[in-house]
Amino acid sequence: MAKSLDITVIGCGRLGSILATHLSQQGHKVVIIDREPSAFDCLAEEFSGFLVTGDAAEMNVLKAAKLNKSQVMIAVTGKDNLNIMISQLAKTFFQVPIVLTRILDPAREEIYQNLGLTIISTTKISAAAFLQTLQQQLEENFS
């Protein structure tokens, strides 16, 4: 296994819970933050990390989660503005070396990349997957 990293995941919805579980199974030390305690129910039984209940937009929550010790922070809440704000804090204030940010609105991607953030547009990725699958289906059915 590669070196164990301290990783913070912001948002414990469907995507955040999958990422946190997978990363903890790989042996990383994972902290996951969500404002809703019931969100942690999405985590698989195999998750061995730490849970922090609170609003990740608040500095005291990020400090309690020890974001300053993370080598990686992944923001995957359902709110673009929140993901961007937390990502900027992680990079500038907490000096997290690797910050990955999910956005839903692909029109914002270039703007946020220009701020030095690593952006993953799940909308663009989904669209590409649908178009690729459609192309394969067309070739199989109409060739």
C-alpha atoms as a PDB file:
ATOM      1  CA  MET A   1       0.000   0.000   0.000  1.00  0.00           C
ATOM      2  CA  ALA A   2       1.094   3.558  -0.656  1.00  0.00           C
ATOM      3  CA  LYS A   3       1.720   5.938   2.219  1.00  0.00           C
ATOM      4  CA  SER A   4      -1.264   6.485   4.509  1.00  0.00           C
ATOM      5  CA  LEU A   5      -2.578  10.013   4.119  1.00  0.00           C
ATOM      6  CA  ASP A   6      -4.760  12.240   6.288  1.00  0.00           C
ATOM      7  CA  ILE A   7      -7.799  12.976   4.132  1.00  0.00           C
ATOM      8  CA  THR A   8     -10.804  15.174   4.899  1.00  0.00           C
ATOM      9  CA  VAL A   9     -14.052  14.706   2.981  1.00  0.00           C
ATOM     10  CA  ILE A  10     -16.659  17.464   3.144  1.00  0.00           C
ATOM     11  CA  GLY A  11     -20.180  16.164   2.594  1.00  0.00           C
ATOM     12  CA  CYS A  12     -21.472  12.700   3.474  1.00  0.00           C
ATOM     13  CA  GLY A  13     -24.076  12.216   0.781  1.00  0.00           C
ATOM     14  CA  ARG A  14     -23.947   9.408  -1.759  1.00  0.00           C
ATOM     15  CA  LEU A  15     -20.644  10.495  -3.295  1.00  0.00           C
ATOM     16  CA  GLY A  16     -18.923  11.570  -0.079  1.00  0.00           C
ATOM     17  CA  SER A  17     -19.823   8.360   1.724  1.00  0.00           C
ATOM     18  CA  ILE A  18     -18.487   6.205  -1.135  1.00  0.00           C
ATOM     19  CA  LEU A  19     -15.236   8.183  -1.281  1.00  0.00           C
ATOM     20  CA  ALA A  20     -14.725   8.173   2.494  1.00  0.00           C
ATOM     21  CA  THR A  21     -15.411   4.452   2.791  1.00  0.00           C
ATOM     22  CA  HIS A  22     -13.136   3.563  -0.115  1.00  0.00           C
ATOM     23  CA  LEU A  23     -10.299   5.761   1.134  1.00  0.00           C
ATOM     24  CA  SER A  24     -10.515   4.380   4.683  1.00  0.00           C
ATOM     25  CA  GLN A  25     -10.475   0.837   3.286  1.00  0.00           C
ATOM     26  CA  GLN A  26      -7.252   1.764   1.486  1.00  0.00           C
ATOM     27  CA  GLY A  27      -5.721   2.522   4.878  1.00  0.00           C
ATOM     28  CA  HIS A  28      -5.937   6.312   4.871  1.00  0.00           C
ATOM     29  CA  LYS A  29      -6.951   8.289   7.956  1.00  0.00           C
ATOM     30  CA  VAL A  30     -10.253   9.820   6.885  1.00  0.00           C
ATOM     31  CA  VAL A  31     -12.302  12.534   8.562  1.00  0.00           C
ATOM     32  CA  ILE A  32     -15.732  13.207   7.087  1.00  0.00           C
ATOM     33  CA  ILE A  33     -17.745  16.328   7.876  1.00  0.00           C
ATOM     34  CA  ASP A  34     -21.472  16.826   7.443  1.00  0.00           C
ATOM     35  CA  ARG A  35     -23.968  19.125   9.133  1.00  0.00           C
ATOM     36  CA  GLU A  36     -26.611  16.388   9.373  1.00  0.00           C
ATOM     37  CA  PRO A  37     -25.842  13.525  11.785  1.00  0.00           C
ATOM     38  CA  SER A  38     -28.159  11.226   9.813  1.00  0.00           C
ATOM     39  CA  ALA A  39     -25.947  11.689   6.726  1.00  0.00           C
ATOM     40  CA  PHE A  40     -23.367   9.399   8.311  1.00  0.00           C
ATOM     41  CA  ASP A  41     -25.866   6.539   7.936  1.00  0.00           C
ATOM     42  CA  CYS A  42     -24.754   6.444   4.277  1.00  0.00           C
ATOM     43  CA  LEU A  43     -21.300   5.213   5.274  1.00  0.00           C
ATOM     44  CA  ALA A  44     -20.569   1.517   4.825  1.00  0.00           C
ATOM     45  CA  GLU A  45     -19.864  -0.578   7.910  1.00  0.00           C
ATOM     46  CA  GLU A  46     -16.256  -0.854   6.719  1.00  0.00           C
ATOM     47  CA  PHE A  47     -15.659   2.888   7.226  1.00  0.00           C
ATOM     48  CA  SER A  48     -13.061   3.292   9.964  1.00  0.00           C
ATOM     49  CA  GLY A  49     -12.571   7.043   9.982  1.00  0.00           C
ATOM     50  CA  PHE A  50     -13.782   9.904  12.111  1.00  0.00           C
ATOM     51  CA  LEU A  51     -17.089  11.748  11.928  1.00  0.00           C
ATOM     52  CA  VAL A  52     -17.439  15.476  12.523  1.00  0.00           C
ATOM     53  CA  THR A  53     -20.938  16.897  12.725  1.00  0.00           C
ATOM     54  CA  GLY A  54     -21.109  20.570  11.857  1.00  0.00           C
ATOM     55  CA  ASP A  55     -21.229  23.209   9.163  1.00  0.00           C
ATOM     56  CA  ALA A  56     -17.961  22.996   7.226  1.00  0.00           C
ATOM     57  CA  ALA A  57     -18.342  26.680   6.327  1.00  0.00           C
ATOM     58  CA  GLU A  58     -17.468  27.487   9.949  1.00  0.00           C
ATOM     59  CA  MET A  59     -13.801  27.764  10.839  1.00  0.00           C
ATOM     60  CA  ASN A  60     -14.262  26.127  14.240  1.00  0.00           C
ATOM     61  CA  VAL A  61     -15.663  22.997  12.542  1.00  0.00           C
ATOM     62  CA  LEU A  62     -12.717  22.822  10.129  1.00  0.00           C
ATOM     63  CA  LYS A  63     -10.310  23.312  13.030  1.00  0.00           C
ATOM     64  CA  ALA A  64     -12.072  20.609  15.077  1.00  0.00           C
ATOM     65  CA  ALA A  65     -11.670  18.274  12.087  1.00  0.00           C
ATOM     66  CA  LYS A  66      -7.929  19.125  12.087  1.00  0.00           C
ATOM     67  CA  LEU A  67      -8.006  20.186   8.456  1.00  0.00           C
ATOM     68  CA  ASN A  68      -4.560  21.703   8.973  1.00  0.00           C
ATOM     69  CA  LYS A  69      -3.167  18.148   9.298  1.00  0.00           C
ATOM     70  CA  SER A  70      -4.756  16.881   6.061  1.00  0.00           C
ATOM     71  CA  GLN A  71      -2.736  16.229   2.950  1.00  0.00           C
ATOM     72  CA  VAL A  72      -5.946  15.946   0.915  1.00  0.00           C
ATOM     73  CA  MET A  73      -9.337  17.644   1.144  1.00  0.00           C
ATOM     74  CA  ILE A  74     -12.275  16.661  -1.054  1.00  0.00           C
ATOM     75  CA  ALA A  75     -15.350  18.918  -1.116  1.00  0.00           C
ATOM     76  CA  VAL A  76     -18.422  17.072  -2.421  1.00  0.00           C
ATOM     77  CA  THR A  77     -21.442  18.775  -0.893  1.00  0.00           C
ATOM     78  CA  GLY A  78     -24.404  19.460  -3.167  1.00  0.00           C
ATOM     79  CA  LYS A  79     -23.689  23.197  -3.104  1.00  0.00           C
ATOM     80  CA  ASP A  80     -21.137  24.639  -5.522  1.00  0.00           C
ATOM     81  CA  ASN A  81     -20.602  27.865  -3.569  1.00  0.00           C
ATOM     82  CA  LEU A  82     -19.972  25.957  -0.335  1.00  0.00           C
ATOM     83  CA  ASN A  83     -17.524  23.586  -2.035  1.00  0.00           C
ATOM     84  CA  ILE A  84     -15.640  26.510  -3.558  1.00  0.00           C
ATOM     85  CA  MET A  85     -15.496  28.502  -0.312  1.00  0.00           C
ATOM     86  CA  ILE A  86     -14.249  25.538   1.731  1.00  0.00           C
ATOM     87  CA  SER A  87     -11.735  24.636  -0.974  1.00  0.00           C
ATOM     88  CA  GLN A  88     -10.292  28.140  -0.991  1.00  0.00           C
ATOM     89  CA  LEU A  89     -10.004  28.041   2.821  1.00  0.00           C
ATOM     90  CA  ALA A  90      -8.334  24.634   2.659  1.00  0.00           C
ATOM     91  CA  LYS A  91      -5.752  25.854   0.143  1.00  0.00           C
ATOM     92  CA  THR A  92      -5.010  29.294   1.526  1.00  0.00           C
ATOM     93  CA  PHE A  93      -5.649  29.201   5.280  1.00  0.00           C
ATOM     94  CA  PHE A  94      -5.076  25.530   6.133  1.00  0.00           C
ATOM     95  CA  GLN A  95      -2.373  24.963   3.474  1.00  0.00           C
ATOM     96  CA  VAL A  96      -3.804  21.601   2.354  1.00  0.00           C
ATOM     97  CA  PRO A  97      -1.579  20.426  -0.550  1.00  0.00           C
ATOM     98  CA  ILE A  98      -4.253  18.590  -2.565  1.00  0.00           C
ATOM     99  CA  VAL A  99      -7.770  20.026  -2.768  1.00  0.00           C
ATOM    100  CA  LEU A 100     -10.400  18.480  -5.046  1.00  0.00           C
ATOM    101  CA  THR A 101     -13.691  20.294  -5.561  1.00  0.00           C
ATOM    102  CA  ARG A 102     -16.913  18.980  -7.054  1.00  0.00           C
ATOM    103  CA  ILE A 103     -19.100  21.423  -8.910  1.00  0.00           C
ATOM    104  CA  LEU A 104     -22.456  20.764 -10.499  1.00  0.00           C
ATOM    105  CA  ASP A 105     -22.624  23.837 -12.760  1.00  0.00           C
ATOM    106  CA  PRO A 106     -20.083  23.303 -15.566  1.00  0.00           C
ATOM    107  CA  ALA A 107     -20.287  26.982 -16.526  1.00  0.00           C
ATOM    108  CA  ARG A 108     -18.358  27.771 -13.342  1.00  0.00           C
ATOM    109  CA  GLU A 109     -15.517  25.307 -13.994  1.00  0.00           C
ATOM    110  CA  GLU A 110     -13.104  27.633 -15.793  1.00  0.00           C
ATOM    111  CA  ILE A 111     -13.631  30.469 -13.304  1.00  0.00           C
ATOM    112  CA  TYR A 112     -12.722  28.255 -10.364  1.00  0.00           C
ATOM    113  CA  GLN A 113      -9.812  26.625 -12.153  1.00  0.00           C
ATOM    114  CA  ASN A 114      -8.433  30.131 -12.668  1.00  0.00           C
ATOM    115  CA  LEU A 115      -8.479  30.478  -8.866  1.00  0.00           C
ATOM    116  CA  GLY A 116      -6.061  27.549  -8.716  1.00  0.00           C
ATOM    117  CA  LEU A 117      -8.605  24.940  -7.659  1.00  0.00           C
ATOM    118  CA  THR A 118      -8.805  21.412  -9.028  1.00  0.00           C
ATOM    119  CA  ILE A 119     -12.384  21.112 -10.229  1.00  0.00           C
ATOM    120  CA  ILE A 120     -14.355  17.993 -11.029  1.00  0.00           C
ATOM    121  CA  SER A 121     -17.588  18.717 -12.854  1.00  0.00           C
ATOM    122  CA  THR A 122     -19.820  15.738 -12.206  1.00  0.00           C
ATOM    123  CA  THR A 123     -22.330  17.120 -14.694  1.00  0.00           C
ATOM    124  CA  LYS A 124     -19.751  17.103 -17.511  1.00  0.00           C
ATOM    125  CA  ILE A 125     -18.495  13.645 -16.510  1.00  0.00           C
ATOM    126  CA  SER A 126     -22.048  12.277 -16.489  1.00  0.00           C
ATOM    127  CA  ALA A 127     -22.827  13.850 -19.856  1.00  0.00           C
ATOM    128  CA  ALA A 128     -19.680  12.324 -21.368  1.00  0.00           C
ATOM    129  CA  ALA A 129     -20.585   8.884 -19.970  1.00  0.00           C
ATOM    130  CA  PHE A 130     -24.111   9.103 -21.404  1.00  0.00           C
ATOM    131  CA  LEU A 131     -22.853  10.203 -24.810  1.00  0.00           C
ATOM    132  CA  GLN A 132     -20.221   7.444 -24.895  1.00  0.00           C
ATOM    133  CA  THR A 133     -22.772   4.811 -23.893  1.00  0.00           C
ATOM    134  CA  LEU A 134     -25.255   6.126 -26.452  1.00  0.00           C
ATOM    135  CA  GLN A 135     -22.593   5.920 -29.174  1.00  0.00           C
ATOM    136  CA  GLN A 136     -21.825   2.300 -28.215  1.00  0.00           C
ATOM    137  CA  GLN A 137     -25.526   1.412 -28.202  1.00  0.00           C
ATOM    138  CA  LEU A 138     -26.038   3.040 -31.608  1.00  0.00           C
ATOM    139  CA  GLU A 139     -23.111   1.123 -33.062  1.00  0.00           C
ATOM    140  CA  GLU A 140     -24.355  -2.183 -31.610  1.00  0.00           C
ATOM    141  CA  ASN A 141     -27.958  -1.702 -32.711  1.00  0.00           C
ATOM    142  CA  PHE A 142     -27.656   0.110 -36.034  1.00  0.00           C
ATOM    143  CA  SER A 143     -24.372  -0.940 -37.586  1.00  0.00           C
END
